[in-house]
């Protein structure tokens, strides 16, 4: 069941917007995601060292009961290691959040240019046009996708698919 309050999950920079409780339990979120891709080690380590947070007890119980199993078909196709999927998604989200902050929120070209703030003020201080900073922000977003794709030897579309999967999983939180 999707929580209507998880609006942040659909934002490109969702890593900056995670609720406090999800940030506190992020290793569990990563571990369940890794389990779904066939790597139970992270989850096993957490079970040995920490108490299971209430948000994750149903998922862990389903795993122990054999009701929740890794998606073998997805695991066979996945080129990004299970343990690294969430970390990669977070890093790309941070880049996309920075890009969107510069591009869409920090500068409003409709404002009076004499009263620039945010990126406009930064552009004036750096003696470049605000539109150039926006273009650089776009380049940052593309470069981040390309860097992640190059690191894992996959296409940028694969990284975009990973981001869609991350958003879907986060939209369903606290169900995991």
N, C-alpha and C. Protein backbone atom coordinates (compact mmCIF):
# COMPACT_ATOMS: atom_id res chain seq x y z
N UNK A 1 0.84 -1.18 0.00
CA UNK A 1 0.00 0.00 0.00
C UNK A 1 0.88 1.24 0.00
N UNK A 2 0.66 2.13 -0.93
CA UNK A 2 1.47 3.34 -1.02
C UNK A 2 0.94 4.38 -0.06
N UNK A 3 1.86 5.04 0.60
CA UNK A 3 1.52 6.08 1.55
C UNK A 3 1.47 7.41 0.81
N UNK A 4 0.35 8.11 0.92
CA UNK A 4 0.18 9.38 0.22
C UNK A 4 1.18 10.42 0.69
N UNK A 5 1.74 10.23 1.88
CA UNK A 5 2.69 11.21 2.38
C UNK A 5 4.09 11.00 1.82
N UNK A 6 4.29 10.01 1.00
CA UNK A 6 5.60 9.74 0.41
C UNK A 6 5.80 10.51 -0.90
N UNK A 7 5.33 11.73 -0.96
CA UNK A 7 5.49 12.58 -2.14
C UNK A 7 6.97 12.74 -2.50
N UNK A 8 7.82 12.76 -1.50
CA UNK A 8 9.26 12.95 -1.68
C UNK A 8 9.89 11.84 -2.51
N UNK A 9 9.27 10.68 -2.50
CA UNK A 9 9.85 9.53 -3.20
C UNK A 9 9.86 9.74 -4.72
N UNK A 10 9.01 10.60 -5.22
CA UNK A 10 8.95 10.83 -6.66
C UNK A 10 9.85 11.97 -7.12
N UNK A 11 10.54 12.61 -6.19
CA UNK A 11 11.44 13.70 -6.54
C UNK A 11 12.80 13.14 -6.97
N UNK A 12 13.44 13.77 -7.95
CA UNK A 12 14.76 13.28 -8.38
C UNK A 12 15.78 13.27 -7.24
N UNK A 13 15.71 14.23 -6.35
CA UNK A 13 16.66 14.30 -5.24
C UNK A 13 16.10 13.71 -3.96
N UNK A 14 15.42 12.58 -4.05
CA UNK A 14 14.76 11.99 -2.88
C UNK A 14 15.74 11.68 -1.75
N UNK A 15 17.00 11.48 -2.05
CA UNK A 15 17.97 11.15 -0.99
C UNK A 15 18.09 12.28 0.03
N UNK A 16 17.83 13.51 -0.39
CA UNK A 16 17.87 14.65 0.52
C UNK A 16 16.59 14.77 1.33
N UNK A 17 15.55 14.07 0.92
CA UNK A 17 14.22 14.27 1.50
C UNK A 17 13.71 13.11 2.34
N UNK A 18 14.53 12.11 2.57
CA UNK A 18 14.07 10.93 3.32
C UNK A 18 13.58 11.32 4.71
N UNK A 19 12.47 10.73 5.15
CA UNK A 19 12.01 10.98 6.51
C UNK A 19 13.04 10.48 7.52
N UNK A 20 13.05 11.07 8.68
CA UNK A 20 14.03 10.72 9.72
C UNK A 20 14.03 9.22 10.02
N UNK A 21 12.86 8.63 10.16
CA UNK A 21 12.79 7.20 10.50
C UNK A 21 13.39 6.32 9.40
N UNK A 22 13.18 6.69 8.16
CA UNK A 22 13.77 5.91 7.07
C UNK A 22 15.28 6.08 7.05
N UNK A 23 15.77 7.29 7.34
CA UNK A 23 17.22 7.49 7.42
C UNK A 23 17.82 6.64 8.52
N UNK A 24 17.12 6.55 9.66
CA UNK A 24 17.61 5.75 10.79
C UNK A 24 17.67 4.26 10.45
N UNK A 25 16.73 3.81 9.64
CA UNK A 25 16.64 2.37 9.33
C UNK A 25 17.12 2.06 7.92
N UNK A 26 17.84 2.99 7.28
CA UNK A 26 18.28 2.79 5.90
C UNK A 26 19.04 1.50 5.69
N UNK A 27 19.93 1.08 6.59
CA UNK A 27 20.62 -0.21 6.36
C UNK A 27 19.64 -1.38 6.21
N UNK A 28 18.54 -1.34 6.93
CA UNK A 28 17.53 -2.40 6.79
C UNK A 28 16.85 -2.32 5.43
N UNK A 29 16.55 -1.11 4.98
CA UNK A 29 15.95 -0.92 3.66
C UNK A 29 16.87 -1.49 2.59
N UNK A 30 18.17 -1.15 2.67
CA UNK A 30 19.16 -1.68 1.73
C UNK A 30 19.24 -3.20 1.79
N UNK A 31 19.20 -3.74 3.01
CA UNK A 31 19.37 -5.18 3.19
C UNK A 31 18.20 -5.96 2.59
N UNK A 32 16.99 -5.46 2.77
CA UNK A 32 15.82 -6.14 2.19
C UNK A 32 15.88 -6.05 0.67
N UNK A 33 16.27 -4.90 0.16
CA UNK A 33 16.41 -4.73 -1.29
C UNK A 33 17.47 -5.70 -1.82
N UNK A 34 18.59 -5.80 -1.13
CA UNK A 34 19.65 -6.74 -1.55
C UNK A 34 19.14 -8.18 -1.51
N UNK A 35 18.36 -8.52 -0.48
CA UNK A 35 17.80 -9.87 -0.40
C UNK A 35 16.93 -10.15 -1.62
N UNK A 36 16.12 -9.16 -2.01
CA UNK A 36 15.23 -9.35 -3.16
C UNK A 36 16.03 -9.63 -4.44
N UNK A 37 17.31 -9.27 -4.46
CA UNK A 37 18.18 -9.55 -5.59
C UNK A 37 19.15 -10.67 -5.30
N UNK A 38 18.84 -11.48 -4.31
CA UNK A 38 19.60 -12.71 -4.09
C UNK A 38 20.79 -12.62 -3.16
N UNK A 39 20.95 -11.53 -2.43
CA UNK A 39 22.09 -11.41 -1.52
C UNK A 39 21.58 -11.25 -0.09
N UNK A 40 21.50 -12.34 0.68
CA UNK A 40 20.97 -12.27 2.04
C UNK A 40 22.00 -11.88 3.10
N UNK A 41 23.26 -11.72 2.72
CA UNK A 41 24.33 -11.49 3.71
C UNK A 41 24.12 -10.23 4.54
N UNK A 42 23.79 -9.12 3.92
CA UNK A 42 23.61 -7.86 4.64
C UNK A 42 22.45 -7.99 5.65
N UNK A 43 21.38 -8.63 5.24
CA UNK A 43 20.24 -8.83 6.14
C UNK A 43 20.62 -9.75 7.29
N UNK A 44 21.35 -10.80 6.99
CA UNK A 44 21.78 -11.73 8.05
C UNK A 44 22.67 -11.01 9.07
N UNK A 45 23.58 -10.18 8.60
CA UNK A 45 24.45 -9.42 9.51
C UNK A 45 23.65 -8.49 10.40
N UNK A 46 22.65 -7.82 9.82
CA UNK A 46 21.82 -6.91 10.62
C UNK A 46 21.00 -7.66 11.67
N UNK A 47 20.47 -8.80 11.29
CA UNK A 47 19.67 -9.60 12.24
C UNK A 47 20.54 -10.04 13.41
N UNK A 48 21.80 -10.35 13.14
CA UNK A 48 22.71 -10.77 14.21
C UNK A 48 23.11 -9.63 15.13
N UNK A 49 23.17 -8.43 14.61
CA UNK A 49 23.72 -7.32 15.40
C UNK A 49 22.70 -6.32 15.92
N UNK A 50 21.54 -6.22 15.32
CA UNK A 50 20.55 -5.20 15.70
C UNK A 50 19.18 -5.82 15.90
N UNK A 51 18.36 -5.10 16.66
CA UNK A 51 16.95 -5.49 16.78
C UNK A 51 16.25 -5.11 15.47
N UNK A 52 15.32 -5.93 15.05
CA UNK A 52 14.62 -5.66 13.80
C UNK A 52 13.64 -4.51 14.02
N UNK A 53 13.75 -3.42 13.25
CA UNK A 53 12.81 -2.31 13.40
C UNK A 53 11.39 -2.76 13.05
N UNK A 54 10.39 -2.17 13.68
CA UNK A 54 9.00 -2.58 13.43
C UNK A 54 8.59 -2.53 11.96
N UNK A 55 9.13 -1.57 11.21
CA UNK A 55 8.77 -1.44 9.79
C UNK A 55 9.23 -2.64 8.97
N UNK A 56 10.18 -3.39 9.47
CA UNK A 56 10.79 -4.48 8.70
C UNK A 56 10.44 -5.86 9.23
N UNK A 57 9.71 -5.94 10.34
CA UNK A 57 9.42 -7.27 10.91
C UNK A 57 8.57 -8.11 9.98
N UNK A 58 7.60 -7.52 9.31
CA UNK A 58 6.76 -8.30 8.40
C UNK A 58 7.59 -8.86 7.24
N UNK A 59 8.49 -8.05 6.70
CA UNK A 59 9.33 -8.51 5.59
C UNK A 59 10.28 -9.61 6.05
N UNK A 60 10.89 -9.44 7.21
CA UNK A 60 11.82 -10.45 7.72
C UNK A 60 11.07 -11.74 8.05
N UNK A 61 9.88 -11.61 8.63
CA UNK A 61 9.07 -12.80 8.94
C UNK A 61 8.70 -13.54 7.66
N UNK A 62 8.36 -12.80 6.61
CA UNK A 62 8.01 -13.45 5.33
C UNK A 62 9.23 -14.15 4.73
N UNK A 63 10.40 -13.57 4.91
CA UNK A 63 11.63 -14.20 4.42
C UNK A 63 11.91 -15.48 5.18
N UNK A 64 11.80 -15.42 6.51
CA UNK A 64 12.07 -16.60 7.34
C UNK A 64 11.06 -17.71 7.05
N UNK A 65 9.80 -17.33 6.82
CA UNK A 65 8.76 -18.32 6.53
C UNK A 65 8.85 -18.86 5.11
N UNK A 66 9.71 -18.29 4.30
CA UNK A 66 9.85 -18.75 2.93
C UNK A 66 8.80 -18.18 1.99
N UNK A 67 8.04 -17.20 2.47
CA UNK A 67 6.99 -16.59 1.64
C UNK A 67 7.56 -15.53 0.71
N UNK A 68 8.64 -14.91 1.11
CA UNK A 68 9.29 -13.89 0.28
C UNK A 68 10.62 -14.48 -0.19
N UNK A 69 10.76 -14.55 -1.49
CA UNK A 69 11.96 -15.15 -2.07
C UNK A 69 12.60 -14.15 -3.03
N UNK A 70 13.90 -14.29 -3.22
CA UNK A 70 14.57 -13.40 -4.19
C UNK A 70 14.00 -13.61 -5.59
N UNK A 71 13.98 -12.55 -6.35
CA UNK A 71 13.53 -12.60 -7.74
C UNK A 71 14.68 -13.13 -8.59
N UNK A 72 14.69 -14.40 -8.83
CA UNK A 72 15.81 -15.05 -9.54
C UNK A 72 15.97 -14.53 -10.97
N UNK A 73 14.86 -14.23 -11.61
CA UNK A 73 14.93 -13.72 -12.98
C UNK A 73 15.62 -12.36 -13.00
N UNK A 74 15.22 -11.48 -12.09
CA UNK A 74 15.85 -10.15 -12.01
C UNK A 74 17.30 -10.27 -11.58
N UNK A 75 17.57 -11.21 -10.67
CA UNK A 75 18.93 -11.41 -10.19
C UNK A 75 19.86 -11.84 -11.32
N UNK A 76 19.37 -12.71 -12.18
CA UNK A 76 20.19 -13.20 -13.28
C UNK A 76 20.52 -12.09 -14.28
N UNK A 77 19.60 -11.15 -14.47
CA UNK A 77 19.81 -10.05 -15.40
C UNK A 77 20.60 -8.90 -14.81
N UNK A 78 20.56 -8.77 -13.49
CA UNK A 78 21.16 -7.60 -12.84
C UNK A 78 22.68 -7.59 -12.99
N UNK A 79 23.19 -6.46 -13.44
CA UNK A 79 24.63 -6.32 -13.56
C UNK A 79 25.20 -5.51 -12.40
N UNK A 80 24.32 -4.82 -11.69
CA UNK A 80 24.75 -4.08 -10.50
C UNK A 80 24.58 -5.02 -9.32
N UNK A 81 25.62 -5.26 -8.54
CA UNK A 81 25.50 -6.18 -7.40
C UNK A 81 24.36 -5.77 -6.47
N UNK A 82 23.71 -6.77 -5.91
CA UNK A 82 22.55 -6.53 -5.06
C UNK A 82 22.85 -5.55 -3.94
N UNK A 83 23.99 -5.73 -3.30
CA UNK A 83 24.35 -4.89 -2.17
C UNK A 83 24.58 -3.44 -2.58
N UNK A 84 24.92 -3.19 -3.82
CA UNK A 84 25.26 -1.86 -4.31
C UNK A 84 24.09 -1.12 -4.94
N UNK A 85 22.96 -1.77 -5.12
CA UNK A 85 21.85 -1.14 -5.82
C UNK A 85 21.34 0.10 -5.09
N UNK A 86 21.10 -0.02 -3.79
CA UNK A 86 20.58 1.12 -3.04
C UNK A 86 21.62 2.23 -2.95
N UNK A 87 22.88 1.88 -2.74
CA UNK A 87 23.93 2.90 -2.65
C UNK A 87 24.08 3.66 -3.95
N UNK A 88 24.03 2.95 -5.06
CA UNK A 88 24.12 3.60 -6.36
C UNK A 88 22.93 4.54 -6.58
N UNK A 89 21.74 4.07 -6.22
CA UNK A 89 20.55 4.91 -6.36
C UNK A 89 20.66 6.18 -5.51
N UNK A 90 21.18 6.07 -4.30
CA UNK A 90 21.34 7.24 -3.44
C UNK A 90 22.31 8.24 -4.06
N UNK A 91 23.44 7.76 -4.55
CA UNK A 91 24.43 8.67 -5.14
C UNK A 91 23.89 9.40 -6.36
N UNK A 92 23.17 8.69 -7.21
CA UNK A 92 22.59 9.33 -8.40
C UNK A 92 21.50 10.31 -7.96
N UNK A 93 20.73 9.96 -6.94
CA UNK A 93 19.69 10.85 -6.44
C UNK A 93 20.28 12.15 -5.90
N UNK A 94 21.40 12.06 -5.22
CA UNK A 94 22.05 13.26 -4.70
C UNK A 94 22.44 14.19 -5.85
N UNK A 95 23.04 13.63 -6.90
CA UNK A 95 23.41 14.44 -8.07
C UNK A 95 22.18 15.06 -8.72
N UNK A 96 21.13 14.27 -8.89
CA UNK A 96 19.93 14.79 -9.52
C UNK A 96 19.25 15.84 -8.66
N UNK A 97 19.33 15.68 -7.35
CA UNK A 97 18.78 16.69 -6.45
C UNK A 97 19.52 18.00 -6.56
N UNK A 98 20.84 17.93 -6.63
CA UNK A 98 21.65 19.15 -6.80
C UNK A 98 21.33 19.81 -8.14
N UNK A 99 21.23 19.00 -9.17
CA UNK A 99 20.88 19.53 -10.50
C UNK A 99 19.53 20.24 -10.46
N UNK A 100 18.52 19.61 -9.87
CA UNK A 100 17.20 20.21 -9.84
C UNK A 100 17.15 21.45 -8.95
N UNK A 101 17.91 21.45 -7.88
CA UNK A 101 17.96 22.63 -7.02
C UNK A 101 18.47 23.83 -7.80
N UNK A 102 19.53 23.63 -8.55
CA UNK A 102 20.10 24.73 -9.35
C UNK A 102 19.15 25.10 -10.48
N UNK A 103 18.65 24.10 -11.16
CA UNK A 103 17.89 24.34 -12.38
C UNK A 103 16.48 24.89 -12.14
N UNK A 104 15.81 24.39 -11.09
CA UNK A 104 14.39 24.73 -10.95
C UNK A 104 14.03 25.57 -9.73
N UNK A 105 14.85 25.54 -8.69
CA UNK A 105 14.43 26.21 -7.47
C UNK A 105 15.28 27.41 -7.05
N UNK A 106 16.53 27.40 -7.40
CA UNK A 106 17.41 28.44 -6.89
C UNK A 106 17.33 29.73 -7.69
N UNK A 107 16.86 29.66 -8.91
CA UNK A 107 16.81 30.86 -9.74
C UNK A 107 15.48 30.91 -10.45
N UNK A 108 14.83 32.04 -10.36
CA UNK A 108 13.59 32.25 -11.08
C UNK A 108 13.83 33.40 -12.05
N UNK A 109 13.94 33.12 -13.35
CA UNK A 109 14.27 34.16 -14.31
C UNK A 109 13.19 35.23 -14.44
N UNK A 110 12.00 35.00 -13.91
CA UNK A 110 10.93 35.98 -13.97
C UNK A 110 11.12 37.08 -12.92
N UNK A 111 11.98 36.84 -11.95
CA UNK A 111 12.22 37.84 -10.91
C UNK A 111 13.01 39.02 -11.46
N UNK A 112 12.96 40.08 -10.72
CA UNK A 112 13.71 41.28 -11.07
C UNK A 112 15.21 40.95 -11.05
N UNK A 113 15.93 41.13 -12.17
CA UNK A 113 17.36 40.76 -12.20
C UNK A 113 18.20 41.58 -11.23
N UNK A 114 17.70 42.75 -10.78
CA UNK A 114 18.45 43.54 -9.81
C UNK A 114 18.40 42.92 -8.42
N UNK A 115 17.46 42.00 -8.21
CA UNK A 115 17.33 41.38 -6.88
C UNK A 115 17.55 39.88 -6.99
N UNK A 116 18.59 39.48 -7.64
CA UNK A 116 18.90 38.07 -7.81
C UNK A 116 19.21 37.42 -6.48
N UNK A 117 18.79 36.19 -6.33
CA UNK A 117 19.16 35.41 -5.16
C UNK A 117 19.53 34.01 -5.62
N UNK A 118 19.95 33.20 -4.72
CA UNK A 118 20.25 31.81 -5.06
C UNK A 118 21.28 31.72 -6.16
N UNK A 119 20.94 30.96 -7.18
CA UNK A 119 21.89 30.69 -8.26
C UNK A 119 22.16 31.95 -9.06
N UNK A 120 21.18 32.83 -9.15
CA UNK A 120 21.39 34.10 -9.85
C UNK A 120 22.50 34.89 -9.20
N UNK A 121 22.50 34.96 -7.88
CA UNK A 121 23.56 35.67 -7.16
C UNK A 121 24.89 34.97 -7.38
N UNK A 122 24.88 33.64 -7.38
CA UNK A 122 26.11 32.89 -7.65
C UNK A 122 26.62 33.15 -9.05
N UNK A 123 25.72 33.27 -10.00
CA UNK A 123 26.12 33.53 -11.38
C UNK A 123 26.75 34.91 -11.50
N UNK A 124 26.15 35.89 -10.83
CA UNK A 124 26.71 37.24 -10.87
C UNK A 124 28.09 37.23 -10.23
N UNK A 125 28.22 36.54 -9.09
CA UNK A 125 29.51 36.50 -8.40
C UNK A 125 30.56 35.80 -9.24
N UNK A 126 30.17 34.81 -10.02
CA UNK A 126 31.11 34.08 -10.87
C UNK A 126 31.23 34.69 -12.25
N UNK A 127 30.51 35.76 -12.50
CA UNK A 127 30.53 36.47 -13.79
C UNK A 127 30.14 35.57 -14.96
N UNK A 128 29.17 34.71 -14.74
CA UNK A 128 28.59 33.92 -15.83
C UNK A 128 27.09 34.07 -15.77
N UNK A 129 26.47 33.78 -16.86
CA UNK A 129 25.03 33.92 -16.96
C UNK A 129 24.32 32.81 -16.17
N UNK A 130 23.19 33.12 -15.54
CA UNK A 130 22.44 32.07 -14.83
C UNK A 130 22.08 30.88 -15.71
N UNK A 131 21.77 31.14 -16.98
CA UNK A 131 21.43 30.04 -17.87
C UNK A 131 22.61 29.09 -18.05
N UNK A 132 23.83 29.63 -17.99
CA UNK A 132 25.02 28.79 -18.10
C UNK A 132 25.15 27.88 -16.87
N UNK A 133 24.82 28.43 -15.70
CA UNK A 133 24.84 27.58 -14.50
C UNK A 133 23.79 26.48 -14.60
N UNK A 134 22.63 26.81 -15.18
CA UNK A 134 21.60 25.78 -15.36
C UNK A 134 22.08 24.70 -16.33
N UNK A 135 22.75 25.11 -17.38
CA UNK A 135 23.30 24.12 -18.33
C UNK A 135 24.35 23.25 -17.64
N UNK A 136 25.18 23.87 -16.81
CA UNK A 136 26.18 23.10 -16.07
C UNK A 136 25.52 22.11 -15.12
N UNK A 137 24.39 22.51 -14.53
CA UNK A 137 23.66 21.60 -13.64
C UNK A 137 23.13 20.41 -14.43
N UNK A 138 22.64 20.66 -15.65
CA UNK A 138 22.20 19.55 -16.51
C UNK A 138 23.35 18.62 -16.83
N UNK A 139 24.51 19.20 -17.12
CA UNK A 139 25.69 18.39 -17.41
C UNK A 139 26.06 17.53 -16.21
N UNK A 140 25.96 18.10 -15.01
CA UNK A 140 26.23 17.34 -13.79
C UNK A 140 25.31 16.14 -13.69
N UNK A 141 24.02 16.35 -13.94
CA UNK A 141 23.06 15.24 -13.88
C UNK A 141 23.39 14.15 -14.89
N UNK A 142 23.70 14.55 -16.11
CA UNK A 142 24.05 13.56 -17.14
C UNK A 142 25.36 12.86 -16.81
N UNK A 143 26.35 13.63 -16.34
CA UNK A 143 27.65 13.03 -16.01
C UNK A 143 27.52 12.03 -14.87
N UNK A 144 26.69 12.34 -13.90
CA UNK A 144 26.49 11.43 -12.78
C UNK A 144 25.89 10.11 -13.27
N UNK A 145 24.89 10.19 -14.14
CA UNK A 145 24.31 8.97 -14.72
C UNK A 145 25.36 8.19 -15.49
N UNK A 146 26.14 8.90 -16.31
CA UNK A 146 27.15 8.24 -17.12
C UNK A 146 28.26 7.63 -16.26
N UNK A 147 28.62 8.32 -15.18
CA UNK A 147 29.66 7.79 -14.29
C UNK A 147 29.19 6.51 -13.61
N UNK A 148 27.96 6.53 -13.11
CA UNK A 148 27.41 5.33 -12.46
C UNK A 148 27.31 4.19 -13.47
N UNK A 149 26.84 4.50 -14.67
CA UNK A 149 26.73 3.47 -15.71
C UNK A 149 28.10 2.92 -16.07
N UNK A 150 29.06 3.80 -16.22
CA UNK A 150 30.42 3.36 -16.56
C UNK A 150 31.05 2.53 -15.46
N UNK A 151 30.79 2.90 -14.22
CA UNK A 151 31.35 2.15 -13.09
C UNK A 151 30.87 0.71 -13.08
N UNK A 152 29.60 0.51 -13.39
CA UNK A 152 29.03 -0.85 -13.36
C UNK A 152 29.03 -1.52 -14.73
N UNK A 153 29.43 -0.81 -15.75
CA UNK A 153 29.46 -1.40 -17.09
C UNK A 153 28.07 -1.64 -17.64
N UNK A 154 27.15 -0.71 -17.37
CA UNK A 154 25.78 -0.81 -17.85
C UNK A 154 25.43 0.46 -18.61
N UNK A 155 24.27 0.48 -19.21
CA UNK A 155 23.82 1.66 -19.93
C UNK A 155 23.21 2.68 -18.96
N UNK A 156 23.08 3.91 -19.42
CA UNK A 156 22.42 4.92 -18.58
C UNK A 156 20.95 4.56 -18.39
N UNK A 157 20.36 3.86 -19.34
CA UNK A 157 18.97 3.42 -19.19
C UNK A 157 18.84 2.45 -18.01
N UNK A 158 19.86 1.62 -17.80
CA UNK A 158 19.84 0.70 -16.67
C UNK A 158 19.85 1.48 -15.35
N UNK A 159 20.64 2.54 -15.30
CA UNK A 159 20.68 3.36 -14.09
C UNK A 159 19.34 4.08 -13.91
N UNK A 160 18.75 4.55 -15.01
CA UNK A 160 17.43 5.19 -14.93
C UNK A 160 16.39 4.19 -14.44
N UNK A 161 16.47 2.94 -14.90
CA UNK A 161 15.55 1.90 -14.41
C UNK A 161 15.77 1.65 -12.92
N UNK A 162 17.01 1.66 -12.48
CA UNK A 162 17.32 1.50 -11.06
C UNK A 162 16.68 2.63 -10.27
N UNK A 163 16.75 3.83 -10.79
CA UNK A 163 16.15 4.99 -10.10
C UNK A 163 14.63 4.85 -10.02
N UNK A 164 14.01 4.35 -11.09
CA UNK A 164 12.56 4.12 -11.06
C UNK A 164 12.21 3.07 -10.00
N UNK A 165 13.01 2.01 -9.94
CA UNK A 165 12.78 0.98 -8.94
C UNK A 165 12.93 1.55 -7.54
N UNK A 166 13.94 2.37 -7.32
CA UNK A 166 14.15 2.99 -6.01
C UNK A 166 12.95 3.84 -5.63
N UNK A 167 12.45 4.63 -6.57
CA UNK A 167 11.30 5.49 -6.30
C UNK A 167 10.06 4.66 -5.95
N UNK A 168 9.87 3.55 -6.66
CA UNK A 168 8.71 2.69 -6.39
C UNK A 168 8.83 2.06 -4.99
N UNK A 169 10.02 1.60 -4.65
CA UNK A 169 10.22 1.01 -3.31
C UNK A 169 10.03 2.05 -2.21
N UNK A 170 10.52 3.25 -2.45
CA UNK A 170 10.39 4.31 -1.45
C UNK A 170 8.95 4.79 -1.32
N UNK A 171 8.22 4.80 -2.42
CA UNK A 171 6.82 5.23 -2.39
C UNK A 171 5.99 4.27 -1.54
N UNK A 172 6.38 3.01 -1.48
CA UNK A 172 5.64 2.02 -0.70
C UNK A 172 6.04 2.00 0.77
N UNK A 173 7.16 2.64 1.12
CA UNK A 173 7.64 2.61 2.49
C UNK A 173 6.60 3.21 3.42
N UNK A 174 6.30 2.65 4.59
CA UNK A 174 7.08 1.71 5.37
C UNK A 174 6.91 0.23 5.01
N UNK A 175 6.11 -0.06 3.99
CA UNK A 175 6.10 -1.45 3.52
C UNK A 175 7.36 -1.64 2.70
N UNK A 176 8.03 -2.77 2.95
CA UNK A 176 9.26 -3.03 2.20
C UNK A 176 9.18 -4.33 1.47
